[in-house]
Amino acid sequence: MYLDELEQKIHYTFKERKWLEVAMTHSSYANEMKHGTQYNERLEFLGDAVLSIIVSDYLFNNYTAREGDLTKLRAAIVCEKSLDVVARQLDLGKHLRLGKGEDLTGGRERPSILADAVEALISAIYMDGGIEHAKEFVLPFVKEMLADEDRLSFKDYKTVLQEIIQQNPGEKLTYCLVEEKGPDHDKRFVVEVRLNSNVIGKGEGRSKKTAEQIAAKEALQLMGK
């Protein structure tokens, strides 16, 4: 079935497939099919709230920034632009059920439709498996966003780490790719950051750059920075 591949991508198998089917159904498709076909707008509504609480909880427990800064950071993570990036990593447009008109006018590539579909997907996982499974889906993307300075205007962990190490002449910092895993459509990279020959941080991401940022962040945390 066309949704089997999507379940593999999100690493979650639904107990009730109806939740996933509704999440991937746009209103334009339902309007054409009629007969009470359900579509994803109600799931989007709930998914927005579920995403917000997951992100808020993670930021609260992992960052000591002030409330205003946390609010800005959360807004950057849950915005349409960020959710559109997530949708494209999952190739979500391929799995959407769209009306013919919406499909012909580029609906599968429209950021607003893709971002809404991500929220609906989060909600579907939550309804089918609870908050913990929703967290397992959401948090890897959140961590990547927080580590990627090009996606979020937050912290460049590699630069911060480099500045600290440079205070000690003779110390050498290197990033080493130690593993590539997963199929081509879901490739993941594992990077170690080493001080001289000692591993001081390890990161995993969908790009080498993201993995390096996560590794640098872990090193800073170990240093108490």
N, C-alpha and C. Protein backbone atom coordinates (compact mmCIF):
# COMPACT_ATOMS: atom_id res chain seq x y z
N MET A 1 0.84 -1.20 0.00
CA MET A 1 0.00 0.00 0.00
C MET A 1 0.88 1.25 0.00
N TYR A 2 0.35 2.35 -0.54
CA TYR A 2 1.16 3.55 -0.74
C TYR A 2 1.68 4.15 0.55
N LEU A 3 1.10 3.78 1.70
CA LEU A 3 1.54 4.34 2.97
C LEU A 3 2.57 3.47 3.69
N ASP A 4 2.82 2.28 3.20
CA ASP A 4 3.82 1.41 3.83
C ASP A 4 5.19 2.07 3.84
N GLU A 5 5.54 2.68 2.72
CA GLU A 5 6.84 3.34 2.60
C GLU A 5 6.95 4.50 3.59
N LEU A 6 5.87 5.22 3.78
CA LEU A 6 5.88 6.34 4.71
C LEU A 6 6.08 5.86 6.14
N GLU A 7 5.44 4.77 6.50
CA GLU A 7 5.64 4.21 7.84
C GLU A 7 7.10 3.84 8.07
N GLN A 8 7.75 3.34 7.04
CA GLN A 8 9.17 3.01 7.16
C GLN A 8 10.00 4.27 7.37
N LYS A 9 9.65 5.33 6.67
CA LYS A 9 10.41 6.58 6.79
C LYS A 9 10.28 7.19 8.18
N ILE A 10 9.08 7.10 8.76
CA ILE A 10 8.87 7.73 10.07
C ILE A 10 9.16 6.79 11.23
N HIS A 11 9.52 5.55 10.91
CA HIS A 11 9.88 4.55 11.92
C HIS A 11 8.74 4.33 12.92
N TYR A 12 7.53 4.28 12.39
CA TYR A 12 6.36 4.02 13.24
C TYR A 12 5.32 3.27 12.42
N THR A 13 4.82 2.17 12.97
CA THR A 13 3.77 1.40 12.32
C THR A 13 2.46 1.62 13.06
N PHE A 14 1.46 2.07 12.35
CA PHE A 14 0.18 2.39 12.97
C PHE A 14 -0.61 1.14 13.32
N LYS A 15 -1.22 1.19 14.49
CA LYS A 15 -2.14 0.13 14.89
C LYS A 15 -3.46 0.31 14.14
N GLU A 16 -3.87 1.57 13.98
CA GLU A 16 -5.08 1.91 13.22
C GLU A 16 -4.66 2.79 12.05
N ARG A 17 -4.55 2.21 10.87
CA ARG A 17 -4.05 2.90 9.69
C ARG A 17 -4.91 4.11 9.31
N LYS A 18 -6.15 4.14 9.79
CA LYS A 18 -7.06 5.24 9.42
C LYS A 18 -6.47 6.59 9.80
N TRP A 19 -5.73 6.65 10.94
CA TRP A 19 -5.16 7.93 11.37
C TRP A 19 -4.17 8.45 10.34
N LEU A 20 -3.36 7.57 9.81
CA LEU A 20 -2.38 7.98 8.80
C LEU A 20 -3.07 8.37 7.50
N GLU A 21 -4.09 7.63 7.12
CA GLU A 21 -4.82 7.93 5.89
C GLU A 21 -5.46 9.33 5.96
N VAL A 22 -6.07 9.63 7.11
CA VAL A 22 -6.69 10.95 7.26
C VAL A 22 -5.63 12.04 7.27
N ALA A 23 -4.51 11.80 7.93
CA ALA A 23 -3.44 12.79 8.00
C ALA A 23 -2.91 13.14 6.62
N MET A 24 -2.91 12.18 5.70
CA MET A 24 -2.39 12.41 4.36
C MET A 24 -3.47 12.80 3.35
N THR A 25 -4.66 13.11 3.84
CA THR A 25 -5.77 13.49 2.95
C THR A 25 -6.06 14.98 3.04
N HIS A 26 -5.90 15.68 1.93
CA HIS A 26 -6.15 17.12 1.87
C HIS A 26 -7.63 17.37 1.61
N SER A 27 -8.09 18.53 2.03
CA SER A 27 -9.52 18.86 1.86
C SER A 27 -9.95 18.84 0.39
N SER A 28 -9.02 19.17 -0.52
CA SER A 28 -9.37 19.18 -1.95
C SER A 28 -9.74 17.78 -2.43
N TYR A 29 -9.08 16.77 -1.90
CA TYR A 29 -9.40 15.38 -2.24
C TYR A 29 -10.75 14.99 -1.67
N ALA A 30 -10.98 15.35 -0.41
CA ALA A 30 -12.26 15.02 0.23
C ALA A 30 -13.43 15.68 -0.49
N ASN A 31 -13.22 16.91 -0.94
CA ASN A 31 -14.29 17.62 -1.66
C ASN A 31 -14.64 16.95 -2.97
N GLU A 32 -13.67 16.37 -3.63
CA GLU A 32 -13.92 15.67 -4.88
C GLU A 32 -14.57 14.30 -4.65
N MET A 33 -14.15 13.62 -3.60
CA MET A 33 -14.66 12.28 -3.32
C MET A 33 -16.06 12.32 -2.71
N LYS A 34 -16.29 13.36 -1.91
CA LYS A 34 -17.55 13.52 -1.17
C LYS A 34 -17.80 12.27 -0.30
N HIS A 35 -19.05 11.90 -0.09
CA HIS A 35 -19.40 10.72 0.71
C HIS A 35 -18.75 10.74 2.10
N GLY A 36 -18.60 11.93 2.67
CA GLY A 36 -18.09 12.03 4.03
C GLY A 36 -16.63 11.68 4.21
N THR A 37 -15.84 11.81 3.15
CA THR A 37 -14.41 11.52 3.25
C THR A 37 -13.75 12.46 4.25
N GLN A 38 -13.02 11.88 5.19
CA GLN A 38 -12.35 12.70 6.21
C GLN A 38 -11.04 13.26 5.66
N TYR A 39 -10.71 14.48 6.11
CA TYR A 39 -9.44 15.09 5.70
C TYR A 39 -8.72 15.64 6.92
N ASN A 40 -7.54 16.20 6.73
CA ASN A 40 -6.60 16.37 7.84
C ASN A 40 -6.67 17.67 8.63
N GLU A 41 -7.64 18.55 8.39
CA GLU A 41 -7.63 19.83 9.08
C GLU A 41 -7.81 19.72 10.59
N ARG A 42 -8.65 18.81 11.05
CA ARG A 42 -8.82 18.64 12.50
C ARG A 42 -7.57 18.06 13.13
N LEU A 43 -6.91 17.15 12.42
CA LEU A 43 -5.65 16.61 12.92
C LEU A 43 -4.57 17.69 12.96
N GLU A 44 -4.57 18.60 11.99
CA GLU A 44 -3.62 19.71 12.00
C GLU A 44 -3.78 20.53 13.28
N PHE A 45 -5.02 20.80 13.64
CA PHE A 45 -5.32 21.59 14.84
C PHE A 45 -4.71 20.95 16.08
N LEU A 46 -4.92 19.65 16.24
CA LEU A 46 -4.37 18.95 17.39
C LEU A 46 -2.86 18.82 17.28
N GLY A 47 -2.36 18.55 16.09
CA GLY A 47 -0.93 18.38 15.88
C GLY A 47 -0.14 19.62 16.23
N ASP A 48 -0.70 20.78 15.95
CA ASP A 48 -0.04 22.04 16.31
C ASP A 48 0.18 22.12 17.82
N ALA A 49 -0.83 21.71 18.59
CA ALA A 49 -0.72 21.74 20.06
C ALA A 49 0.25 20.69 20.57
N VAL A 50 0.21 19.48 19.99
CA VAL A 50 1.11 18.41 20.41
C VAL A 50 2.56 18.81 20.12
N LEU A 51 2.80 19.34 18.94
CA LEU A 51 4.14 19.79 18.58
C LEU A 51 4.64 20.86 19.53
N SER A 52 3.77 21.80 19.85
CA SER A 52 4.16 22.90 20.74
C SER A 52 4.56 22.41 22.12
N ILE A 53 3.80 21.47 22.68
CA ILE A 53 4.12 20.98 24.02
C ILE A 53 5.40 20.15 24.01
N ILE A 54 5.63 19.36 22.95
CA ILE A 54 6.86 18.57 22.86
C ILE A 54 8.08 19.49 22.77
N VAL A 55 7.99 20.49 21.92
CA VAL A 55 9.11 21.43 21.74
C VAL A 55 9.32 22.25 23.01
N SER A 56 8.23 22.72 23.62
CA SER A 56 8.33 23.52 24.84
C SER A 56 8.99 22.72 25.96
N ASP A 57 8.57 21.48 26.11
CA ASP A 57 9.12 20.62 27.15
C ASP A 57 10.62 20.38 26.93
N TYR A 58 11.01 20.14 25.68
CA TYR A 58 12.41 19.90 25.39
C TYR A 58 13.26 21.14 25.66
N LEU A 59 12.79 22.30 25.23
CA LEU A 59 13.54 23.54 25.44
C LEU A 59 13.64 23.87 26.92
N PHE A 60 12.56 23.69 27.64
CA PHE A 60 12.54 23.99 29.07
C PHE A 60 13.58 23.15 29.82
N ASN A 61 13.69 21.89 29.44
CA ASN A 61 14.56 20.97 30.16
C ASN A 61 16.01 20.94 29.66
N ASN A 62 16.27 21.60 28.53
CA ASN A 62 17.62 21.54 27.96
C ASN A 62 18.28 22.89 27.75
N TYR A 63 17.54 23.99 27.94
CA TYR A 63 18.10 25.32 27.74
C TYR A 63 17.77 26.21 28.93
N THR A 64 18.75 27.02 29.32
CA THR A 64 18.56 27.91 30.46
C THR A 64 18.25 29.34 30.02
N ALA A 65 17.91 29.51 28.77
CA ALA A 65 17.59 30.85 28.25
C ALA A 65 16.35 31.42 28.93
N ARG A 66 16.20 32.73 28.81
CA ARG A 66 15.03 33.40 29.38
C ARG A 66 13.77 33.06 28.59
N GLU A 67 12.63 33.33 29.20
CA GLU A 67 11.34 32.99 28.60
C GLU A 67 11.19 33.58 27.20
N GLY A 68 11.58 34.84 27.05
CA GLY A 68 11.44 35.48 25.74
C GLY A 68 12.26 34.80 24.67
N ASP A 69 13.48 34.39 25.02
CA ASP A 69 14.34 33.71 24.06
C ASP A 69 13.81 32.31 23.73
N LEU A 70 13.28 31.63 24.76
CA LEU A 70 12.69 30.31 24.52
C LEU A 70 11.49 30.41 23.59
N THR A 71 10.70 31.45 23.78
CA THR A 71 9.52 31.66 22.94
C THR A 71 9.92 31.87 21.48
N LYS A 72 10.96 32.68 21.26
CA LYS A 72 11.44 32.94 19.90
C LYS A 72 11.99 31.66 19.26
N LEU A 73 12.70 30.90 20.08
CA LEU A 73 13.28 29.66 19.57
C LEU A 73 12.20 28.65 19.20
N ARG A 74 11.20 28.53 20.06
CA ARG A 74 10.09 27.62 19.76
C ARG A 74 9.38 28.04 18.48
N ALA A 75 9.16 29.34 18.33
CA ALA A 75 8.48 29.85 17.14
C ALA A 75 9.26 29.52 15.87
N ALA A 76 10.59 29.56 15.96
CA ALA A 76 11.41 29.25 14.79
C ALA A 76 11.33 27.77 14.43
N ILE A 77 11.13 26.93 15.44
CA ILE A 77 11.07 25.49 15.19
C ILE A 77 9.71 25.07 14.63
N VAL A 78 8.64 25.66 15.12
CA VAL A 78 7.30 25.20 14.73
C VAL A 78 6.72 26.00 13.56
N CYS A 79 7.50 26.89 12.98
CA CYS A 79 6.99 27.72 11.89
C CYS A 79 6.84 26.91 10.59
N GLU A 80 6.12 27.48 9.64
CA GLU A 80 5.87 26.80 8.37
C GLU A 80 7.17 26.45 7.66
N LYS A 81 8.14 27.35 7.68
CA LYS A 81 9.40 27.11 6.98
C LYS A 81 10.10 25.86 7.51
N SER A 82 10.17 25.72 8.82
CA SER A 82 10.84 24.57 9.42
C SER A 82 10.08 23.27 9.16
N LEU A 83 8.74 23.33 9.27
CA LEU A 83 7.93 22.14 9.03
C LEU A 83 7.98 21.72 7.56
N ASP A 84 8.11 22.70 6.67
CA ASP A 84 8.25 22.40 5.25
C ASP A 84 9.54 21.62 5.00
N VAL A 85 10.62 21.98 5.71
CA VAL A 85 11.89 21.26 5.59
C VAL A 85 11.72 19.81 6.02
N VAL A 86 11.02 19.60 7.15
CA VAL A 86 10.76 18.25 7.64
C VAL A 86 9.98 17.44 6.60
N ALA A 87 8.94 18.07 6.04
CA ALA A 87 8.11 17.39 5.04
C ALA A 87 8.93 16.95 3.84
N ARG A 88 9.85 17.80 3.41
CA ARG A 88 10.66 17.48 2.22
C ARG A 88 11.69 16.39 2.53
N GLN A 89 12.18 16.36 3.76
CA GLN A 89 13.10 15.28 4.14
C GLN A 89 12.38 13.93 4.08
N LEU A 90 11.10 13.95 4.41
CA LEU A 90 10.30 12.72 4.38
C LEU A 90 9.67 12.47 3.01
N ASP A 91 9.86 13.42 2.07
CA ASP A 91 9.18 13.35 0.77
C ASP A 91 7.68 13.17 0.96
N LEU A 92 7.13 13.98 1.87
CA LEU A 92 5.73 13.81 2.27
C LEU A 92 4.75 14.11 1.15
N GLY A 93 5.12 15.03 0.27
CA GLY A 93 4.22 15.39 -0.83
C GLY A 93 3.85 14.19 -1.69
N LYS A 94 4.76 13.26 -1.80
CA LYS A 94 4.53 12.04 -2.59
C LYS A 94 3.38 11.22 -2.04
N HIS A 95 3.14 11.32 -0.73
CA HIS A 95 2.16 10.45 -0.07
C HIS A 95 0.80 11.13 0.15
N LEU A 96 0.68 12.40 -0.23
CA LEU A 96 -0.57 13.12 0.01
C LEU A 96 -1.65 12.72 -0.99
N ARG A 97 -2.89 12.69 -0.50
CA ARG A 97 -4.04 12.53 -1.39
C ARG A 97 -4.61 13.92 -1.64
N LEU A 98 -4.45 14.39 -2.87
CA LEU A 98 -4.89 15.73 -3.25
C LEU A 98 -5.96 15.65 -4.32
N GLY A 99 -6.79 16.69 -4.38
CA GLY A 99 -7.73 16.80 -5.49
C GLY A 99 -6.97 17.03 -6.78
N LYS A 100 -7.58 16.71 -7.91
CA LYS A 100 -6.89 16.82 -9.20
C LYS A 100 -6.41 18.24 -9.47
N GLY A 101 -7.25 19.21 -9.16
CA GLY A 101 -6.88 20.60 -9.40
C GLY A 101 -5.70 21.02 -8.55
N GLU A 102 -5.73 20.66 -7.28
CA GLU A 102 -4.64 21.00 -6.36
C GLU A 102 -3.35 20.32 -6.79
N ASP A 103 -3.47 19.10 -7.24
CA ASP A 103 -2.30 18.34 -7.68
C ASP A 103 -1.68 18.99 -8.91
N LEU A 104 -2.51 19.36 -9.87
CA LEU A 104 -2.02 19.93 -11.13
C LEU A 104 -1.39 21.31 -10.94
N THR A 105 -1.77 22.02 -9.89
CA THR A 105 -1.23 23.37 -9.66
C THR A 105 -0.08 23.37 -8.64
N GLY A 106 0.52 22.21 -8.42
CA GLY A 106 1.72 22.15 -7.59
C GLY A 106 1.49 21.99 -6.11
N GLY A 107 0.35 21.43 -5.73
CA GLY A 107 0.04 21.27 -4.31
C GLY A 107 1.04 20.41 -3.54
N ARG A 108 1.64 19.45 -4.22
CA ARG A 108 2.59 18.56 -3.54
C ARG A 108 3.88 19.27 -3.14
N GLU A 109 4.10 20.45 -3.71
CA GLU A 109 5.30 21.22 -3.39
C GLU A 109 4.98 22.49 -2.62
N ARG A 110 3.70 22.72 -2.30
CA ARG A 110 3.31 23.97 -1.65
C ARG A 110 3.65 23.92 -0.16
N PRO A 111 4.49 24.85 0.33
CA PRO A 111 4.93 24.82 1.73
C PRO A 111 3.80 24.77 2.74
N SER A 112 2.72 25.51 2.51
CA SER A 112 1.63 25.53 3.49
C SER A 112 0.97 24.16 3.61
N ILE A 113 0.77 23.49 2.48
CA ILE A 113 0.15 22.15 2.50
C ILE A 113 1.09 21.15 3.17
N LEU A 114 2.37 21.24 2.86
CA LEU A 114 3.34 20.30 3.43
C LEU A 114 3.49 20.50 4.94
N ALA A 115 3.55 21.76 5.38
CA ALA A 115 3.67 22.04 6.81
C ALA A 115 2.44 21.54 7.56
N ASP A 116 1.27 21.77 6.99
CA ASP A 116 0.04 21.28 7.62
C ASP A 116 0.03 19.76 7.70
N ALA A 117 0.57 19.11 6.68
CA ALA A 117 0.60 17.64 6.67
C ALA A 117 1.52 17.10 7.76
N VAL A 118 2.61 17.81 8.05
CA VAL A 118 3.50 17.40 9.14
C VAL A 118 2.76 17.47 10.47
N GLU A 119 2.03 18.56 10.70
CA GLU A 119 1.26 18.68 11.93
C GLU A 119 0.21 17.59 12.04
N ALA A 120 -0.44 17.28 10.93
CA ALA A 120 -1.45 16.22 10.93
C ALA A 120 -0.81 14.87 11.20
N LEU A 121 0.39 14.65 10.67
CA LEU A 121 1.10 13.39 10.90
C LEU A 121 1.48 13.24 12.37
N ILE A 122 1.95 14.32 12.98
CA ILE A 122 2.28 14.30 14.41
C ILE A 122 1.04 13.93 15.22
N SER A 123 -0.07 14.54 14.87
CA SER A 123 -1.33 14.28 15.56
C SER A 123 -1.76 12.83 15.37
N ALA A 124 -1.59 12.31 14.17
CA ALA A 124 -1.99 10.93 13.89
C ALA A 124 -1.19 9.95 14.74
N ILE A 125 0.13 10.19 14.85
CA ILE A 125 0.97 9.33 15.69
C ILE A 125 0.53 9.43 17.15
N TYR A 126 0.24 10.65 17.59
CA TYR A 126 -0.22 10.88 18.96
C TYR A 126 -1.52 10.13 19.24
N MET A 127 -2.47 10.22 18.32
CA MET A 127 -3.77 9.56 18.51
C MET A 127 -3.63 8.04 18.51
N ASP A 128 -2.71 7.54 17.69
CA ASP A 128 -2.57 6.09 17.55
C ASP A 128 -1.69 5.48 18.64
N GLY A 129 -0.64 6.21 19.04
CA GLY A 129 0.34 5.61 19.94
C GLY A 129 0.67 6.40 21.20
N GLY A 130 0.13 7.62 21.33
CA GLY A 130 0.38 8.39 22.54
C GLY A 130 1.54 9.37 22.39
N ILE A 131 1.76 10.16 23.44
CA ILE A 131 2.73 11.25 23.40
C ILE A 131 4.16 10.76 23.25
N GLU A 132 4.51 9.61 23.82
CA GLU A 132 5.89 9.14 23.75
C GLU A 132 6.29 8.81 22.31
N HIS A 133 5.40 8.19 21.57
CA HIS A 133 5.70 7.89 20.17
C HIS A 133 5.76 9.18 19.35
N ALA A 134 4.91 10.14 19.68
CA ALA A 134 4.97 11.44 19.00
C ALA A 134 6.31 12.11 19.26
N LYS A 135 6.79 12.02 20.50
CA LYS A 135 8.11 12.58 20.84
C LYS A 135 9.22 11.91 20.04
N GLU A 136 9.14 10.59 19.92
CA GLU A 136 10.17 9.85 19.19
C GLU A 136 10.25 10.30 17.74
N PHE A 137 9.12 10.70 17.18
CA PHE A 137 9.11 11.19 15.81
C PHE A 137 9.60 12.63 15.73
N VAL A 138 9.17 13.48 16.65
CA VAL A 138 9.43 14.92 16.58
C VAL A 138 10.85 15.29 17.00
N LEU A 139 11.34 14.73 18.10
CA LEU A 139 12.58 15.22 18.71
C LEU A 139 13.83 15.11 17.83
N PRO A 140 14.00 14.07 17.01
CA PRO A 140 15.19 14.07 16.14
C PRO A 140 15.24 15.28 15.21
N PHE A 141 14.09 15.69 14.69
CA PHE A 141 14.05 16.88 13.83
C PHE A 141 14.34 18.15 14.64
N VAL A 142 13.78 18.21 15.84
CA VAL A 142 14.00 19.38 16.71
C VAL A 142 15.48 19.53 17.01
N LYS A 143 16.13 18.44 17.37
CA LYS A 143 17.56 18.48 17.71
C LYS A 143 18.39 18.90 16.50
N GLU A 144 18.01 18.44 15.32
CA GLU A 144 18.74 18.84 14.12
C GLU A 144 18.58 20.33 13.86
N MET A 145 17.36 20.84 14.03
CA MET A 145 17.14 22.27 13.83
C MET A 145 17.96 23.10 14.81
N LEU A 146 18.00 22.66 16.04
CA LEU A 146 18.74 23.40 17.06
C LEU A 146 20.24 23.37 16.80
N ALA A 147 20.70 22.35 16.10
CA ALA A 147 22.13 22.23 15.83
C ALA A 147 22.55 22.87 14.51
N ASP A 148 21.60 23.22 13.68
CA ASP A 148 21.88 23.72 12.34
C ASP A 148 21.71 25.23 12.31
N GLU A 149 22.82 25.96 12.32
CA GLU A 149 22.73 27.43 12.39
C GLU A 149 22.16 28.04 11.11
N ASP A 150 22.17 27.28 9.99
CA ASP A 150 21.60 27.81 8.76
C ASP A 150 20.08 27.76 8.79
N ARG A 151 19.53 26.84 9.58
CA ARG A 151 18.07 26.69 9.64
C ARG A 151 17.47 27.57 10.73
N LEU A 152 18.17 27.69 11.85
CA LEU A 152 17.69 28.52 12.95
C LEU A 152 18.78 29.51 13.33
N SER A 153 18.41 30.74 13.56
CA SER A 153 19.36 31.75 13.99
C SER A 153 19.59 31.59 15.48
N PHE A 154 20.36 30.58 15.84
CA PHE A 154 20.57 30.33 17.26
C PHE A 154 22.06 30.21 17.52
N LYS A 155 22.56 29.06 17.83
CA LYS A 155 23.94 28.90 18.26
C LYS A 155 24.75 28.08 17.26
N ASP A 156 25.94 28.60 16.89
CA ASP A 156 26.88 27.84 16.07
C ASP A 156 27.82 27.14 17.03
N TYR A 157 27.50 25.91 17.38
CA TYR A 157 28.25 25.19 18.40
C TYR A 157 29.70 24.92 17.98
N LYS A 158 29.92 24.68 16.69
CA LYS A 158 31.28 24.42 16.23
C LYS A 158 32.19 25.62 16.46
N THR A 159 31.69 26.81 16.17
CA THR A 159 32.49 28.02 16.37
C THR A 159 32.78 28.26 17.84
N VAL A 160 31.77 28.08 18.68
CA VAL A 160 31.96 28.26 20.13
C VAL A 160 33.01 27.29 20.65
N LEU A 161 32.92 26.02 20.23
CA LEU A 161 33.88 25.02 20.68
C LEU A 161 35.28 25.37 20.20
N GLN A 162 35.40 25.79 18.95
CA GLN A 162 36.70 26.14 18.39
C GLN A 162 37.34 27.29 19.16
N GLU A 163 36.53 28.28 19.52
CA GLU A 163 37.05 29.44 20.26
C GLU A 163 37.58 29.02 21.63
N ILE A 164 36.92 28.06 22.26
CA ILE A 164 37.37 27.58 23.57
C ILE A 164 38.69 26.82 23.44
N ILE A 165 38.78 25.95 22.44
CA ILE A 165 39.98 25.13 22.27
C ILE A 165 41.19 26.00 21.89
N GLN A 166 40.95 27.07 21.14
CA GLN A 166 42.04 27.94 20.71
C GLN A 166 42.71 28.65 21.88
N GLN A 167 42.06 28.66 23.01
CA GLN A 167 42.66 29.29 24.20
C GLN A 167 43.83 28.46 24.73
N ASN A 168 43.96 27.24 24.24
CA ASN A 168 45.04 26.35 24.68
C ASN A 168 45.89 25.98 23.47
N PRO A 169 46.95 26.75 23.21
CA PRO A 169 47.81 26.49 22.04
C PRO A 169 48.32 25.05 22.04
N GLY A 170 48.34 24.46 20.86
CA GLY A 170 48.82 23.08 20.75
C GLY A 170 47.72 22.04 20.73
N GLU A 171 46.50 22.42 21.18
CA GLU A 171 45.37 21.49 21.15
C GLU A 171 44.78 21.47 19.74
N LYS A 172 44.44 20.29 19.25
CA LYS A 172 43.91 20.16 17.89
C LYS A 172 42.51 19.56 17.91
N LEU A 173 41.58 20.21 17.22
CA LEU A 173 40.19 19.77 17.16
C LEU A 173 39.89 19.24 15.76
N THR A 174 39.36 18.03 15.67
CA THR A 174 39.01 17.45 14.37
C THR A 174 37.63 16.80 14.43
N TYR A 175 36.97 16.76 13.25
CA TYR A 175 35.67 16.10 13.12
C TYR A 175 35.84 14.91 12.19
N CYS A 176 35.45 13.73 12.66
CA CYS A 176 35.66 12.50 11.90
C CYS A 176 34.33 11.80 11.63
N LEU A 177 34.06 11.54 10.36
CA LEU A 177 32.88 10.76 9.99
C LEU A 177 33.18 9.30 10.30
N VAL A 178 32.40 8.71 11.21
CA VAL A 178 32.68 7.34 11.64
C VAL A 178 31.66 6.33 11.12
N GLU A 179 30.52 6.82 10.63
CA GLU A 179 29.51 5.87 10.16
C GLU A 179 28.50 6.56 9.25
N GLU A 180 28.07 5.85 8.22
CA GLU A 180 26.93 6.25 7.39
C GLU A 180 25.94 5.09 7.45
N LYS A 181 24.68 5.38 7.71
CA LYS A 181 23.72 4.29 7.81
C LYS A 181 22.37 4.69 7.23
N GLY A 182 21.58 3.68 6.93
CA GLY A 182 20.25 3.93 6.38
C GLY A 182 20.23 3.93 4.87
N PRO A 183 19.04 3.77 4.29
CA PRO A 183 18.88 3.79 2.83
C PRO A 183 19.11 5.21 2.29
N ASP A 184 19.25 5.32 0.98
CA ASP A 184 19.55 6.61 0.36
C ASP A 184 18.51 7.67 0.68
N HIS A 185 17.23 7.27 0.79
CA HIS A 185 16.19 8.27 1.05
C HIS A 185 16.15 8.69 2.52
N ASP A 186 16.91 7.98 3.37
CA ASP A 186 16.91 8.32 4.80
C ASP A 186 18.31 8.11 5.37
N LYS A 187 19.31 8.63 4.65
CA LYS A 187 20.70 8.48 5.06
C LYS A 187 20.98 9.29 6.32
N ARG A 188 21.76 8.69 7.22
CA ARG A 188 22.16 9.37 8.45
C ARG A 188 23.67 9.24 8.62
N PHE A 189 24.28 10.30 9.14
CA PHE A 189 25.72 10.37 9.30
C PHE A 189 26.07 10.48 10.79
N VAL A 190 27.10 9.76 11.20
CA VAL A 190 27.57 9.80 12.59
C VAL A 190 28.98 10.39 12.59
N VAL A 191 29.16 11.45 13.38
CA VAL A 191 30.44 12.16 13.42
C VAL A 191 30.93 12.23 14.86
N GLU A 192 32.24 12.05 15.04
CA GLU A 192 32.88 12.26 16.34
C GLU A 192 33.74 13.52 16.27
N VAL A 193 33.70 14.31 17.32
CA VAL A 193 34.62 15.44 17.43
C VAL A 193 35.70 15.02 18.41
N ARG A 194 36.95 15.21 17.99
CA ARG A 194 38.07 14.73 18.79
C ARG A 194 39.00 15.87 19.16
N LEU A 195 39.42 15.85 20.42
CA LEU A 195 40.43 16.78 20.91
C LEU A 195 41.72 16.00 20.98
N ASN A 196 42.65 16.35 20.05
CA ASN A 196 43.83 15.52 19.84
C ASN A 196 43.33 14.14 19.42
N SER A 197 43.51 13.11 20.21
CA SER A 197 43.02 11.78 19.80
C SER A 197 41.84 11.32 20.65
N ASN A 198 41.35 12.19 21.52
CA ASN A 198 40.28 11.81 22.44
C ASN A 198 38.92 12.26 21.93
N VAL A 199 37.95 11.33 21.92
CA VAL A 199 36.58 11.67 21.51
C VAL A 199 35.91 12.47 22.64
N ILE A 200 35.44 13.68 22.32
CA ILE A 200 34.79 14.52 23.33
C ILE A 200 33.32 14.79 23.00
N GLY A 201 32.87 14.29 21.86
CA GLY A 201 31.47 14.47 21.49
C GLY A 201 31.12 13.64 20.28
N LYS A 202 29.86 13.26 20.18
CA LYS A 202 29.39 12.45 19.06
C LYS A 202 28.02 12.94 18.63
N GLY A 203 27.81 13.01 17.32
CA GLY A 203 26.52 13.50 16.82
C GLY A 203 26.04 12.71 15.62
N GLU A 204 24.73 12.65 15.46
CA GLU A 204 24.12 11.96 14.33
C GLU A 204 23.10 12.88 13.67
N GLY A 205 23.11 12.94 12.34
CA GLY A 205 22.18 13.81 11.63
C GLY A 205 21.98 13.38 10.20
N ARG A 206 21.09 14.06 9.52
CA ARG A 206 20.78 13.74 8.13
C ARG A 206 21.78 14.37 7.16
N SER A 207 22.70 15.15 7.68
CA SER A 207 23.81 15.68 6.89
C SER A 207 25.05 15.67 7.77
N LYS A 208 26.23 15.69 7.13
CA LYS A 208 27.48 15.72 7.90
C LYS A 208 27.56 17.00 8.73
N LYS A 209 27.10 18.09 8.14
CA LYS A 209 27.16 19.38 8.82
C LYS A 209 26.32 19.37 10.10
N THR A 210 25.12 18.82 10.01
CA THR A 210 24.26 18.74 11.17
C THR A 210 24.87 17.83 12.24
N ALA A 211 25.43 16.70 11.80
CA ALA A 211 26.05 15.76 12.75
C ALA A 211 27.23 16.42 13.47
N GLU A 212 28.00 17.24 12.75
CA GLU A 212 29.13 17.94 13.37
C GLU A 212 28.64 18.93 14.42
N GLN A 213 27.56 19.64 14.13
CA GLN A 213 27.02 20.61 15.08
C GLN A 213 26.53 19.91 16.35
N ILE A 214 25.87 18.76 16.18
CA ILE A 214 25.37 18.02 17.34
C ILE A 214 26.54 17.48 18.16
N ALA A 215 27.59 17.03 17.48
CA ALA A 215 28.78 16.54 18.19
C ALA A 215 29.43 17.66 18.99
N ALA A 216 29.53 18.85 18.38
CA ALA A 216 30.12 20.00 19.07
C ALA A 216 29.27 20.41 20.27
N LYS A 217 27.96 20.34 20.10
CA LYS A 217 27.07 20.68 21.21
C LYS A 217 27.28 19.73 22.39
N GLU A 218 27.41 18.43 22.08
CA GLU A 218 27.63 17.44 23.16
C GLU A 218 28.96 17.70 23.86
N ALA A 219 29.97 18.06 23.10
CA ALA A 219 31.27 18.37 23.70
C ALA A 219 31.17 19.57 24.65
N LEU A 220 30.45 20.59 24.23
CA LEU A 220 30.26 21.78 25.08
C LEU A 220 29.51 21.44 26.35
N GLN A 221 28.51 20.57 26.23
CA GLN A 221 27.74 20.17 27.41
C GLN A 221 28.63 19.41 28.40
N LEU A 222 29.52 18.55 27.87
CA LEU A 222 30.43 17.80 28.73
C LEU A 222 31.41 18.74 29.44
N MET A 223 31.70 19.87 28.79
CA MET A 223 32.59 20.86 29.38
C MET A 223 31.87 21.78 30.36
N GLY A 224 30.54 21.63 30.40
CA GLY A 224 29.75 22.49 31.28
C GLY A 224 29.50 23.87 30.70
N LYS A 225 29.60 23.97 29.35
CA LYS A 225 29.40 25.26 28.68
C LYS A 225 27.97 25.38 28.15
